[in-house]
C-alpha atoms as a PDB file:
ATOM      1  CA  MET A   1       1.312  19.899 -29.816  1.00  0.00           C
ATOM      2  CA  ASN A   2       2.775  20.388 -26.341  1.00  0.00           C
ATOM      3  CA  GLU A   3       6.373  19.471 -25.638  1.00  0.00           C
ATOM      4  CA  ILE A   4       8.616  19.615 -22.600  1.00  0.00           C
ATOM      5  CA  VAL A   5      12.163  18.438 -21.923  1.00  0.00           C
ATOM      6  CA  LEU A   6      13.176  17.094 -18.525  1.00  0.00           C
ATOM      7  CA  ARG A   7      16.884  17.808 -18.121  1.00  0.00           C
ATOM      8  CA  LYS A   8      19.344  15.519 -16.303  1.00  0.00           C
ATOM      9  CA  VAL A   9      16.894  13.094 -14.754  1.00  0.00           C
ATOM     10  CA  LYS A  10      18.105   9.906 -13.032  1.00  0.00           C
ATOM     11  CA  VAL A  11      16.233   6.853 -14.250  1.00  0.00           C
ATOM     12  CA  VAL A  12      15.163   4.142 -11.802  1.00  0.00           C
ATOM     13  CA  ASP A  13      14.069   1.185 -13.916  1.00  0.00           C
ATOM     14  CA  PRO A  14      15.726  -2.121 -12.909  1.00  0.00           C
ATOM     15  CA  GLY A  15      16.029  -4.275 -15.995  1.00  0.00           C
ATOM     16  CA  GLY A  16      15.490  -1.319 -18.343  1.00  0.00           C
ATOM     17  CA  PRO A  17      18.127   0.033 -20.770  1.00  0.00           C
ATOM     18  CA  HIS A  18      18.468   3.379 -18.965  1.00  0.00           C
ATOM     19  CA  HIS A  19      18.503   2.195 -15.352  1.00  0.00           C
ATOM     20  CA  ASP A  20      20.696   4.283 -13.050  1.00  0.00           C
ATOM     21  CA  SER A  21      21.688   6.651 -15.849  1.00  0.00           C
ATOM     22  CA  ILE A  22      21.188  10.425 -16.036  1.00  0.00           C
ATOM     23  CA  VAL A  23      19.356  11.430 -19.191  1.00  0.00           C
ATOM     24  CA  ASP A  24      17.137  14.013 -20.831  1.00  0.00           C
ATOM     25  CA  ILE A  25      13.528  13.052 -21.509  1.00  0.00           C
ATOM     26  CA  LEU A  26      11.353  14.562 -24.219  1.00  0.00           C
ATOM     27  CA  ILE A  27       7.623  14.439 -23.491  1.00  0.00           C
ATOM     28  CA  ARG A  28       5.120  15.259 -26.223  1.00  0.00           C
ATOM     29  CA  ASP A  29       1.426  15.524 -25.425  1.00  0.00           C
ATOM     30  CA  GLY A  30       1.922  13.566 -22.230  1.00  0.00           C
ATOM     31  CA  VAL A  31       3.838  10.713 -23.880  1.00  0.00           C
ATOM     32  CA  ILE A  32       7.592  10.039 -23.616  1.00  0.00           C
ATOM     33  CA  GLU A  33       8.930  10.433 -27.142  1.00  0.00           C
ATOM     34  CA  LYS A  34      12.684  10.294 -26.660  1.00  0.00           C
ATOM     35  CA  ILE A  35      15.325   9.548 -24.022  1.00  0.00           C
ATOM     36  CA  GLY A  36      18.903  10.636 -24.561  1.00  0.00           C
ATOM     37  CA  GLU A  37      21.995  12.218 -23.053  1.00  0.00           C
ATOM     38  CA  ARG A  38      21.318  15.684 -24.489  1.00  0.00           C
ATOM     39  CA  ILE A  39      18.074  16.686 -26.160  1.00  0.00           C
ATOM     40  CA  VAL A  40      17.803  20.120 -27.761  1.00  0.00           C
ATOM     41  CA  ARG A  41      14.411  21.159 -29.153  1.00  0.00           C
ATOM     42  CA  GLY A  42      14.639  24.838 -30.005  1.00  0.00           C
ATOM     43  CA  ASP A  43      12.072  26.755 -27.968  1.00  0.00           C
ATOM     44  CA  THR A  44      10.719  23.707 -26.158  1.00  0.00           C
ATOM     45  CA  PRO A  45      10.442  24.462 -22.403  1.00  0.00           C
ATOM     46  CA  VAL A  46      13.093  22.784 -20.295  1.00  0.00           C
ATOM     47  CA  VAL A  47      12.607  21.677 -16.687  1.00  0.00           C
ATOM     48  CA  LYS A  48      15.705  21.017 -14.597  1.00  0.00           C
ATOM     49  CA  LEU A  49      15.381  20.119 -10.931  1.00  0.00           C
ATOM     50  CA  ASP A  50      18.023  18.977  -8.463  1.00  0.00           C
ATOM     51  CA  GLY A  51      17.553  15.331  -7.547  1.00  0.00           C
ATOM     52  CA  ALA A  52      14.906  14.661 -10.213  1.00  0.00           C
ATOM     53  CA  HIS A  53      14.160  10.963 -10.803  1.00  0.00           C
ATOM     54  CA  ALA A  54      11.984   9.115 -13.308  1.00  0.00           C
ATOM     55  CA  SER A  55      10.656   5.582 -13.041  1.00  0.00           C
ATOM     56  CA  PRO A  56       7.838   3.400 -14.325  1.00  0.00           C
ATOM     57  CA  GLY A  57       4.570   4.013 -12.531  1.00  0.00           C
ATOM     58  CA  TRP A  58       4.403   2.654  -8.998  1.00  0.00           C
ATOM     59  CA  VAL A  59       1.850   0.128  -7.731  1.00  0.00           C
ATOM     60  CA  ASP A  60       0.314   0.320  -4.261  1.00  0.00           C
ATOM     61  CA  LEU A  61      -0.963  -3.061  -3.106  1.00  0.00           C
ATOM     62  CA  ARG A  62      -2.645  -1.935   0.122  1.00  0.00           C
ATOM     63  CA  ALA A  63      -4.906   1.077  -0.219  1.00  0.00           C
ATOM     64  CA  HIS A  64      -7.961   1.878   1.890  1.00  0.00           C
ATOM     65  CA  PHE A  65     -10.450   3.942  -0.112  1.00  0.00           C
ATOM     66  CA  ARG A  66     -13.359   3.011   2.208  1.00  0.00           C
ATOM     67  CA  ASP A  67     -15.832   3.202  -0.662  1.00  0.00           C
ATOM     68  CA  PRO A  68     -18.601   2.131  -0.384  1.00  0.00           C
ATOM     69  CA  GLY A  69     -19.722   3.028   3.108  1.00  0.00           C
ATOM     70  CA  GLU A  70     -17.213   5.570   4.408  1.00  0.00           C
ATOM     71  CA  GLU A  71     -16.474   7.686   1.371  1.00  0.00           C
ATOM     72  CA  TRP A  72     -15.747  10.702   3.562  1.00  0.00           C
ATOM     73  CA  LYS A  73     -12.496   9.050   4.643  1.00  0.00           C
ATOM     74  CA  ALA A  74     -11.118   8.851   1.105  1.00  0.00           C
ATOM     75  CA  GLY A  75     -13.407   7.744  -1.722  1.00  0.00           C
ATOM     76  CA  ILE A  76     -12.414   6.206  -5.035  1.00  0.00           C
ATOM     77  CA  THR A  77     -11.939   9.386  -7.064  1.00  0.00           C
ATOM     78  CA  ASN A  78     -10.025  11.216  -4.335  1.00  0.00           C
ATOM     79  CA  GLY A  79      -7.888   8.145  -3.680  1.00  0.00           C
ATOM     80  CA  LEU A  80      -6.992   7.696  -7.331  1.00  0.00           C
ATOM     81  CA  ASP A  81      -6.268  11.413  -7.711  1.00  0.00           C
ATOM     82  CA  ALA A  82      -3.872  11.224  -4.770  1.00  0.00           C
ATOM     83  CA  ALA A  83      -2.233   8.162  -6.310  1.00  0.00           C
ATOM     84  CA  ALA A  84      -1.688   9.980  -9.599  1.00  0.00           C
ATOM     85  CA  ALA A  85      -0.144  12.944  -7.800  1.00  0.00           C
ATOM     86  CA  GLY A  86       2.293  10.590  -6.066  1.00  0.00           C
ATOM     87  CA  GLY A  87       3.423   8.726  -9.183  1.00  0.00           C
ATOM     88  CA  PHE A  88       1.219   5.659  -8.818  1.00  0.00           C
ATOM     89  CA  THR A  89      -0.366   4.265 -11.971  1.00  0.00           C
ATOM     90  CA  ALA A  90      -2.157   1.338 -10.318  1.00  0.00           C
ATOM     91  CA  VAL A  91      -3.676   0.863  -6.872  1.00  0.00           C
ATOM     92  CA  ALA A  92      -4.953  -2.341  -5.305  1.00  0.00           C
ATOM     93  CA  VAL A  93      -7.919  -1.516  -3.094  1.00  0.00           C
ATOM     94  CA  LEU A  94      -8.573  -3.522   0.053  1.00  0.00           C
ATOM     95  CA  PRO A  95     -12.041  -4.985   0.700  1.00  0.00           C
ATOM     96  CA  SER A  96     -12.484  -3.246   4.072  1.00  0.00           C
ATOM     97  CA  THR A  97     -15.638  -1.422   3.053  1.00  0.00           C
ATOM     98  CA  THR A  98     -19.253  -1.230   4.210  1.00  0.00           C
ATOM     99  CA  PRO A  99     -20.544  -3.614   3.014  1.00  0.00           C
ATOM    100  CA  VAL A 100     -17.392  -5.697   2.646  1.00  0.00           C
ATOM    101  CA  THR A 101     -16.240  -6.285  -0.928  1.00  0.00           C
ATOM    102  CA  ASP A 102     -16.721 -10.051  -0.881  1.00  0.00           C
ATOM    103  CA  ASP A 103     -18.837 -10.811  -3.942  1.00  0.00           C
ATOM    104  CA  ARG A 104     -19.196 -10.159  -7.660  1.00  0.00           C
ATOM    105  CA  ALA A 105     -21.336  -7.056  -7.180  1.00  0.00           C
ATOM    106  CA  GLY A 106     -18.755  -5.419  -4.912  1.00  0.00           C
ATOM    107  CA  ILE A 107     -15.963  -5.939  -7.438  1.00  0.00           C
ATOM    108  CA  HIS A 108     -18.134  -4.603 -10.252  1.00  0.00           C
ATOM    109  CA  TYR A 109     -18.925  -1.497  -8.199  1.00  0.00           C
ATOM    110  CA  LEU A 110     -15.244  -0.641  -7.690  1.00  0.00           C
ATOM    111  CA  LEU A 111     -14.366  -1.092 -11.347  1.00  0.00           C
ATOM    112  CA  ARG A 112     -17.374   0.887 -12.510  1.00  0.00           C
ATOM    113  CA  GLN A 113     -16.531   3.823 -10.226  1.00  0.00           C
ATOM    114  CA  ALA A 114     -12.935   3.935 -11.474  1.00  0.00           C
ATOM    115  CA  GLN A 115     -13.416   3.223 -15.164  1.00  0.00           C
ATOM    116  CA  GLU A 116     -12.840   6.790 -16.374  1.00  0.00           C
ATOM    117  CA  HIS A 117      -9.733   7.428 -14.268  1.00  0.00           C
ATOM    118  CA  PRO A 118      -6.205   7.203 -15.753  1.00  0.00           C
ATOM    119  CA  VAL A 119      -4.966   5.351 -12.643  1.00  0.00           C
ATOM    120  CA  GLN A 120      -5.885   1.668 -12.760  1.00  0.00           C
ATOM    121  CA  LEU A 121      -7.862   0.379  -9.793  1.00  0.00           C
ATOM    122  CA  LEU A 122      -7.055  -3.241  -8.915  1.00  0.00           C
ATOM    123  CA  PRO A 123      -9.817  -4.741  -6.753  1.00  0.00           C
ATOM    124  CA  LEU A 124      -8.900  -7.122  -3.948  1.00  0.00           C
ATOM    125  CA  GLY A 125     -11.727  -9.408  -2.949  1.00  0.00           C
ATOM    126  CA  ALA A 126     -12.235 -10.666   0.582  1.00  0.00           C
ATOM    127  CA  ILE A 127     -10.974 -14.131   1.500  1.00  0.00           C
ATOM    128  CA  THR A 128     -13.822 -14.722   3.941  1.00  0.00           C
ATOM    129  CA  GLN A 129     -17.389 -13.498   4.011  1.00  0.00           C
ATOM    130  CA  GLY A 130     -17.597 -10.162   5.795  1.00  0.00           C
ATOM    131  CA  LEU A 131     -13.902 -10.487   6.787  1.00  0.00           C
ATOM    132  CA  LYS A 132     -15.141 -12.577   9.714  1.00  0.00           C
ATOM    133  CA  GLY A 133     -12.853 -15.559   9.184  1.00  0.00           C
ATOM    134  CA  GLU A 134     -15.727 -18.030   9.391  1.00  0.00           C
ATOM    135  CA  GLN A 135     -16.612 -19.005   5.828  1.00  0.00           C
ATOM    136  CA  LEU A 136     -14.900 -18.523   2.481  1.00  0.00           C
ATOM    137  CA  ALA A 137     -16.214 -15.772   0.267  1.00  0.00           C
ATOM    138  CA  GLU A 138     -17.126 -16.514  -3.350  1.00  0.00           C
ATOM    139  CA  LEU A 139     -13.554 -16.486  -4.640  1.00  0.00           C
ATOM    140  CA  HIS A 140     -14.382 -17.670  -8.152  1.00  0.00           C
ATOM    141  CA  ASP A 141     -17.141 -15.102  -8.625  1.00  0.00           C
ATOM    142  CA  GLN A 142     -14.865 -12.313  -7.450  1.00  0.00           C
ATOM    143  CA  GLN A 143     -12.092 -13.422  -9.778  1.00  0.00           C
ATOM    144  CA  GLN A 144     -14.484 -13.588 -12.718  1.00  0.00           C
ATOM    145  CA  ALA A 145     -15.691 -10.061 -11.908  1.00  0.00           C
ATOM    146  CA  GLY A 146     -12.140  -8.680 -12.012  1.00  0.00           C
ATOM    147  CA  ALA A 147     -10.502  -9.213  -8.612  1.00  0.00           C
ATOM    148  CA  VAL A 148      -6.710  -9.512  -8.858  1.00  0.00           C
ATOM    149  CA  GLY A 149      -6.228 -11.231  -5.498  1.00  0.00           C
ATOM    150  CA  PHE A 150      -7.790 -11.917  -2.126  1.00  0.00           C
ATOM    151  CA  SER A 151      -7.191 -10.354   1.274  1.00  0.00           C
ATOM    152  CA  ASP A 152      -8.864 -10.062   4.644  1.00  0.00           C
ATOM    153  CA  ASP A 153      -6.815  -6.897   5.248  1.00  0.00           C
ATOM    154  CA  GLN A 154      -5.396  -6.979   8.805  1.00  0.00           C
ATOM    155  CA  HIS A 155      -7.858  -9.631   9.978  1.00  0.00           C
ATOM    156  CA  THR A 156      -5.980 -12.823  10.809  1.00  0.00           C
ATOM    157  CA  ILE A 157      -7.533 -16.042   9.540  1.00  0.00           C
ATOM    158  CA  ARG A 158      -7.291 -18.086  12.716  1.00  0.00           C
ATOM    159  CA  ASN A 159      -8.920 -21.195  11.264  1.00  0.00           C
ATOM    160  CA  ALA A 160      -6.062 -23.135   9.660  1.00  0.00           C
ATOM    161  CA  ARG A 161      -8.406 -25.268   7.567  1.00  0.00           C
ATOM    162  CA  LEU A 162     -10.042 -22.137   6.164  1.00  0.00           C
ATOM    163  CA  MET A 163      -6.611 -20.828   5.183  1.00  0.00           C
ATOM    164  CA  LEU A 164      -5.841 -24.175   3.565  1.00  0.00           C
ATOM    165  CA  LEU A 165      -9.042 -24.036   1.517  1.00  0.00           C
ATOM    166  CA  ALA A 166      -8.371 -20.440   0.455  1.00  0.00           C
ATOM    167  CA  LEU A 167      -4.966 -21.386  -0.944  1.00  0.00           C
ATOM    168  CA  GLN A 168      -6.317 -24.518  -2.632  1.00  0.00           C
ATOM    169  CA  TYR A 169      -9.227 -22.724  -4.282  1.00  0.00           C
ATOM    170  CA  SER A 170      -7.163 -19.724  -5.372  1.00  0.00           C
ATOM    171  CA  ALA A 171      -4.545 -22.024  -6.921  1.00  0.00           C
ATOM    172  CA  GLY A 172      -7.271 -23.436  -9.139  1.00  0.00           C
ATOM    173  CA  LEU A 173      -8.126 -20.021 -10.561  1.00  0.00           C
ATOM    174  CA  GLY A 174      -6.334 -18.726 -13.618  1.00  0.00           C
ATOM    175  CA  GLY A 175      -2.840 -17.401 -12.949  1.00  0.00           C
ATOM    176  CA  GLN A 176      -2.721 -18.576  -9.327  1.00  0.00           C
ATOM    177  CA  MET A 177      -4.452 -15.648  -7.674  1.00  0.00           C
ATOM    178  CA  PRO A 178      -2.491 -14.408  -4.645  1.00  0.00           C
ATOM    179  CA  VAL A 179      -3.860 -14.868  -1.154  1.00  0.00           C
ATOM    180  CA  MET A 180      -2.577 -11.845   0.756  1.00  0.00           C
ATOM    181  CA  VAL A 181      -2.141 -12.191   4.512  1.00  0.00           C
ATOM    182  CA  PHE A 182      -1.113  -9.904   7.355  1.00  0.00           C
ATOM    183  CA  PRO A 183       1.012 -12.170   9.599  1.00  0.00           C
ATOM    184  CA  ASN A 184      -0.012 -11.504  13.159  1.00  0.00           C
ATOM    185  CA  ASP A 185      -1.157 -13.744  15.986  1.00  0.00           C
ATOM    186  CA  PRO A 186      -3.886 -11.602  17.580  1.00  0.00           C
ATOM    187  CA  ASP A 187      -3.614 -13.302  20.955  1.00  0.00           C
ATOM    188  CA  LEU A 188       0.105 -12.661  21.272  1.00  0.00           C
ATOM    189  CA  ALA A 189      -0.241  -9.124  19.928  1.00  0.00           C
ATOM    190  CA  ARG A 190      -3.344  -8.121  21.901  1.00  0.00           C
ATOM    191  CA  GLY A 191      -2.979  -4.678  23.458  1.00  0.00           C
ATOM    192  CA  GLY A 192       0.512  -4.139  22.068  1.00  0.00           C
ATOM    193  CA  GLN A 193       1.504  -0.535  21.493  1.00  0.00           C
ATOM    194  CA  MET A 194       5.070  -0.786  20.175  1.00  0.00           C
ATOM    195  CA  HIS A 195       7.925  -3.256  19.648  1.00  0.00           C
ATOM    196  CA  GLU A 196       8.496  -5.410  22.690  1.00  0.00           C
ATOM    197  CA  GLY A 197      11.963  -4.779  24.091  1.00  0.00           C
ATOM    198  CA  ALA A 198      14.093  -2.550  26.259  1.00  0.00           C
ATOM    199  CA  MET A 199      12.460   0.614  24.934  1.00  0.00           C
ATOM    200  CA  SER A 200       8.891  -0.557  25.622  1.00  0.00           C
ATOM    201  CA  THR A 201       9.948  -1.527  29.162  1.00  0.00           C
ATOM    202  CA  ARG A 202      11.583   1.850  29.666  1.00  0.00           C
ATOM    203  CA  LEU A 203       8.485   3.690  28.484  1.00  0.00           C
ATOM    204  CA  GLY A 204       6.074   1.452  30.392  1.00  0.00           C
ATOM    205  CA  MET A 205       4.195   0.523  27.211  1.00  0.00           C
ATOM    206  CA  LYS A 206       2.872  -2.928  26.375  1.00  0.00           C
ATOM    207  CA  GLY A 207       5.011  -4.498  23.682  1.00  0.00           C
ATOM    208  CA  LEU A 208       4.223  -6.223  20.410  1.00  0.00           C
ATOM    209  CA  PRO A 209       6.406  -9.352  20.424  1.00  0.00           C
ATOM    210  CA  PRO A 210       8.064 -10.282  17.117  1.00  0.00           C
ATOM    211  CA  LEU A 211       6.888 -13.819  17.905  1.00  0.00           C
ATOM    212  CA  ALA A 212       3.342 -12.734  17.000  1.00  0.00           C
ATOM    213  CA  GLU A 213       4.428 -12.199  13.404  1.00  0.00           C
ATOM    214  CA  ILE A 214       6.835 -15.133  13.181  1.00  0.00           C
ATOM    215  CA  ILE A 215       4.450 -17.819  14.474  1.00  0.00           C
ATOM    216  CA  GLN A 216       1.654 -16.784  12.124  1.00  0.00           C
ATOM    217  CA  LEU A 217       3.994 -16.684   9.145  1.00  0.00           C
ATOM    218  CA  GLN A 218       5.390 -20.129   9.991  1.00  0.00           C
ATOM    219  CA  ARG A 219       1.883 -21.571  10.050  1.00  0.00           C
ATOM    220  CA  ASP A 220       0.915 -20.029   6.722  1.00  0.00           C
ATOM    221  CA  LEU A 221       4.135 -21.209   5.071  1.00  0.00           C
ATOM    222  CA  ALA A 222       3.498 -24.737   6.309  1.00  0.00           C
ATOM    223  CA  ILE A 223       0.013 -24.635   4.789  1.00  0.00           C
ATOM    224  CA  LEU A 224       1.399 -23.230   1.533  1.00  0.00           C
ATOM    225  CA  ALA A 225       3.876 -26.122   1.320  1.00  0.00           C
ATOM    226  CA  TYR A 226       0.924 -28.519   1.577  1.00  0.00           C
ATOM    227  CA  THR A 227      -1.507 -26.787  -0.788  1.00  0.00           C
ATOM    228  CA  GLY A 228       0.518 -24.917  -3.343  1.00  0.00           C
ATOM    229  CA  GLY A 229      -0.874 -21.635  -4.591  1.00  0.00           C
ATOM    230  CA  HIS A 230       0.465 -18.113  -4.244  1.00  0.00           C
ATOM    231  CA  LEU A 231       0.889 -16.559  -0.805  1.00  0.00           C
ATOM    232  CA  HIS A 232       1.695 -12.862  -0.462  1.00  0.00           C
ATOM    233  CA  VAL A 233       2.831 -11.735   2.983  1.00  0.00           C
ATOM    234  CA  SER A 234       2.102  -8.069   3.628  1.00  0.00           C
ATOM    235  CA  THR A 235       4.208  -5.674   5.703  1.00  0.00           C
ATOM    236  CA  ILE A 236       6.672  -8.048   7.333  1.00  0.00           C
ATOM    237  CA  SER A 237       8.715  -6.255   9.971  1.00  0.00           C
ATOM    238  CA  THR A 238      11.231  -8.700  11.474  1.00  0.00           C
ATOM    239  CA  ALA A 239      14.524 -10.171  10.322  1.00  0.00           C
ATOM    240  CA  GLU A 240      13.204 -13.622  11.159  1.00  0.00           C
ATOM    241  CA  SER A 241      10.321 -13.141   8.727  1.00  0.00           C
ATOM    242  CA  VAL A 242      12.720 -12.115   5.974  1.00  0.00           C
ATOM    243  CA  GLU A 243      14.684 -15.307   6.589  1.00  0.00           C
ATOM    244  CA  LEU A 244      11.522 -17.437   6.521  1.00  0.00           C
ATOM    245  CA  VAL A 245      10.539 -15.931   3.174  1.00  0.00           C
ATOM    246  CA  ARG A 246      14.035 -16.503   1.810  1.00  0.00           C
ATOM    247  CA  GLN A 247      13.924 -20.160   2.845  1.00  0.00           C
ATOM    248  CA  ALA A 248      10.483 -20.609   1.269  1.00  0.00           C
ATOM    249  CA  LYS A 249      11.742 -19.153  -1.999  1.00  0.00           C
ATOM    250  CA  ALA A 250      14.697 -21.546  -1.894  1.00  0.00           C
ATOM    251  CA  ARG A 251      12.177 -24.393  -1.611  1.00  0.00           C
ATOM    252  CA  LYS A 252      10.491 -23.050  -4.761  1.00  0.00           C
ATOM    253  CA  GLN A 253       7.303 -22.094  -2.944  1.00  0.00           C
ATOM    254  CA  HIS A 254       5.276 -19.393  -4.674  1.00  0.00           C
ATOM    255  CA  ILE A 255       5.608 -16.631  -2.119  1.00  0.00           C
ATOM    256  CA  THR A 256       6.036 -12.887  -2.359  1.00  0.00           C
ATOM    257  CA  ALA A 257       6.401 -10.392   0.459  1.00  0.00           C
ATOM    258  CA  SER A 258       6.472  -6.672   1.075  1.00  0.00           C
ATOM    259  CA  VAL A 259       7.472  -4.188   3.723  1.00  0.00           C
ATOM    260  CA  ALA A 260       5.991  -0.850   4.722  1.00  0.00           C
ATOM    261  CA  ALA A 261       8.264   2.124   4.091  1.00  0.00           C
ATOM    262  CA  HIS A 262       8.283   3.196   7.731  1.00  0.00           C
ATOM    263  CA  ASN A 263       9.786  -0.147   8.748  1.00  0.00           C
ATOM    264  CA  LEU A 264      12.793   0.604   6.553  1.00  0.00           C
ATOM    265  CA  LEU A 265      13.291   4.067   8.039  1.00  0.00           C
ATOM    266  CA  LEU A 266      12.174   3.950  11.678  1.00  0.00           C
ATOM    267  CA  ASP A 267      12.704   1.806  14.763  1.00  0.00           C
ATOM    268  CA  ASP A 268      11.421   1.822  18.330  1.00  0.00           C
ATOM    269  CA  GLY A 269      14.106   4.309  19.347  1.00  0.00           C
ATOM    270  CA  CYS A 270      12.051   6.964  17.553  1.00  0.00           C
ATOM    271  CA  LEU A 271       9.512   6.714  20.385  1.00  0.00           C
ATOM    272  CA  ALA A 272      12.057   7.579  23.063  1.00  0.00           C
ATOM    273  CA  ARG A 273      10.324  10.910  23.632  1.00  0.00           C
ATOM    274  CA  LEU A 274       6.849   9.442  23.222  1.00  0.00           C
ATOM    275  CA  ARG A 275       6.324  10.886  19.768  1.00  0.00           C
ATOM    276  CA  ASP A 276       3.104   9.006  19.166  1.00  0.00           C
ATOM    277  CA  LEU A 277       2.827  10.207  15.569  1.00  0.00           C
ATOM    278  CA  LEU A 278       5.574   7.687  14.774  1.00  0.00           C
ATOM    279  CA  GLN A 279       3.667   4.716  16.187  1.00  0.00           C
ATOM    280  CA  SER A 280       2.971   1.885  13.758  1.00  0.00           C
ATOM    281  CA  ALA A 281       1.153  -1.423  13.969  1.00  0.00           C
ATOM    282  CA  THR A 282       4.201  -3.586  13.295  1.00  0.00           C
ATOM    283  CA  THR A 283       7.031  -4.880  15.382  1.00  0.00           C
ATOM    284  CA  ALA A 284      10.181  -3.253  13.968  1.00  0.00           C
ATOM    285  CA  ALA A 285      12.938  -3.304  16.535  1.00  0.00           C
ATOM    286  CA  ARG A 286      15.994  -1.216  17.161  1.00  0.00           C
ATOM    287  CA  PRO A 287      19.001  -1.877  14.905  1.00  0.00           C
ATOM    288  CA  GLY A 288      21.025  -4.760  16.259  1.00  0.00           C
ATOM    289  CA  THR A 289      18.027  -6.597  17.746  1.00  0.00           C
ATOM    290  CA  HIS A 290      15.283  -8.076  15.582  1.00  0.00           C
ATOM    291  CA  ARG A 291      15.855  -5.845  12.577  1.00  0.00           C
ATOM    292  CA  SER A 292      19.402  -4.685  11.886  1.00  0.00           C
ATOM    293  CA  PRO A 293      20.247  -2.276   9.029  1.00  0.00           C
ATOM    294  CA  ALA A 294      21.627  -5.224   7.049  1.00  0.00           C
ATOM    295  CA  ARG A 295      18.363  -7.100   7.452  1.00  0.00           C
ATOM    296  CA  ARG A 296      16.460  -4.025   6.315  1.00  0.00           C
ATOM    297  CA  ARG A 297      18.407  -4.072   3.072  1.00  0.00           C
ATOM    298  CA  GLU A 298      17.663  -7.760   2.624  1.00  0.00           C
ATOM    299  CA  GLY A 299      13.965  -7.039   3.056  1.00  0.00           C
ATOM    300  CA  ARG A 300      14.042  -4.738   0.041  1.00  0.00           C
ATOM    301  CA  HIS A 301      14.831  -7.682  -2.245  1.00  0.00           C
ATOM    302  CA  HIS A 302      11.443  -9.229  -1.492  1.00  0.00           C
ATOM    303  CA  ARG A 303       9.481  -6.051  -2.099  1.00  0.00           C
ATOM    304  CA  ARG A 304       7.933  -5.726  -5.561  1.00  0.00           C
ATOM    305  CA  HIS A 305       5.856  -2.630  -4.888  1.00  0.00           C
ATOM    306  CA  ARG A 306       5.257   0.063  -2.357  1.00  0.00           C
ATOM    307  CA  GLU A 307       3.380  -0.777   0.810  1.00  0.00           C
ATOM    308  CA  ARG A 308       1.669   1.856   2.866  1.00  0.00           C
ATOM    309  CA  PRO A 309       1.518   1.771   6.639  1.00  0.00           C
ATOM    310  CA  PRO A 310      -1.759   0.427   8.013  1.00  0.00           C
ATOM    311  CA  SER A 311      -4.331   3.206   7.966  1.00  0.00           C
ATOM    312  CA  GLY A 312      -7.831   3.896   9.094  1.00  0.00           C
END
């Protein structure tokens, strides 16, 4: 029997009995056995670290493992190992693979590859065949195989009728499977390198207008109001989008949303010295323009999980 005591750990568990309290945690053979203000266990090793926090396992809803097809970029085992090291107990894997995960066999492959790993892999099936936005994928087959939702990753579904059908069909599947979209009008955003504003003009870089996100989100919300179903909006980056989501919730539409961590921490002022490592594919503005600090805090209320920045 192996035991360890974590001393003076702050618990982050909204809704739980120990949320925001500082406690000791007794772990026995990898399982939490006791939580209390002061735990003394004789010779049991004690770990005490400044700033230590404990929380339920995190869920990542946008992971690129690139398996099958480009396993050298990540791979299922390596990706799940990295998730475990970072405190994630479940990872939703995007269908951007080669071939695209858009059928029953693709979902089965992902689950089979991950079945022995302690981190749960949650397969996301493609909305459209090959992520091409031309014809719906076999949504029912993917759901029956174990898909937990549908996404075309960062590919915008330009065809409004196709988006309408995706929401209608998914609503008919058990539990209202979420249709996950990346709100971005590709024509308005084409060639954009950073948030469109004073800083992009100063640096001579083509801007990404917030309008590209807002217009696409407005269209999808209008379709959702017509069809019903569950729409999940990934990585919103503007105050206007937060307000649109808030209004949709007030209308009792089934919508969830998320934000990438870098949009809560960075703005276009970080590029003042052309530090290209801070570039992201969203439109977060400087505080006081399209995304003030207050609006950033509001965005947190819509986030149910961690979102990663778009990756290769």
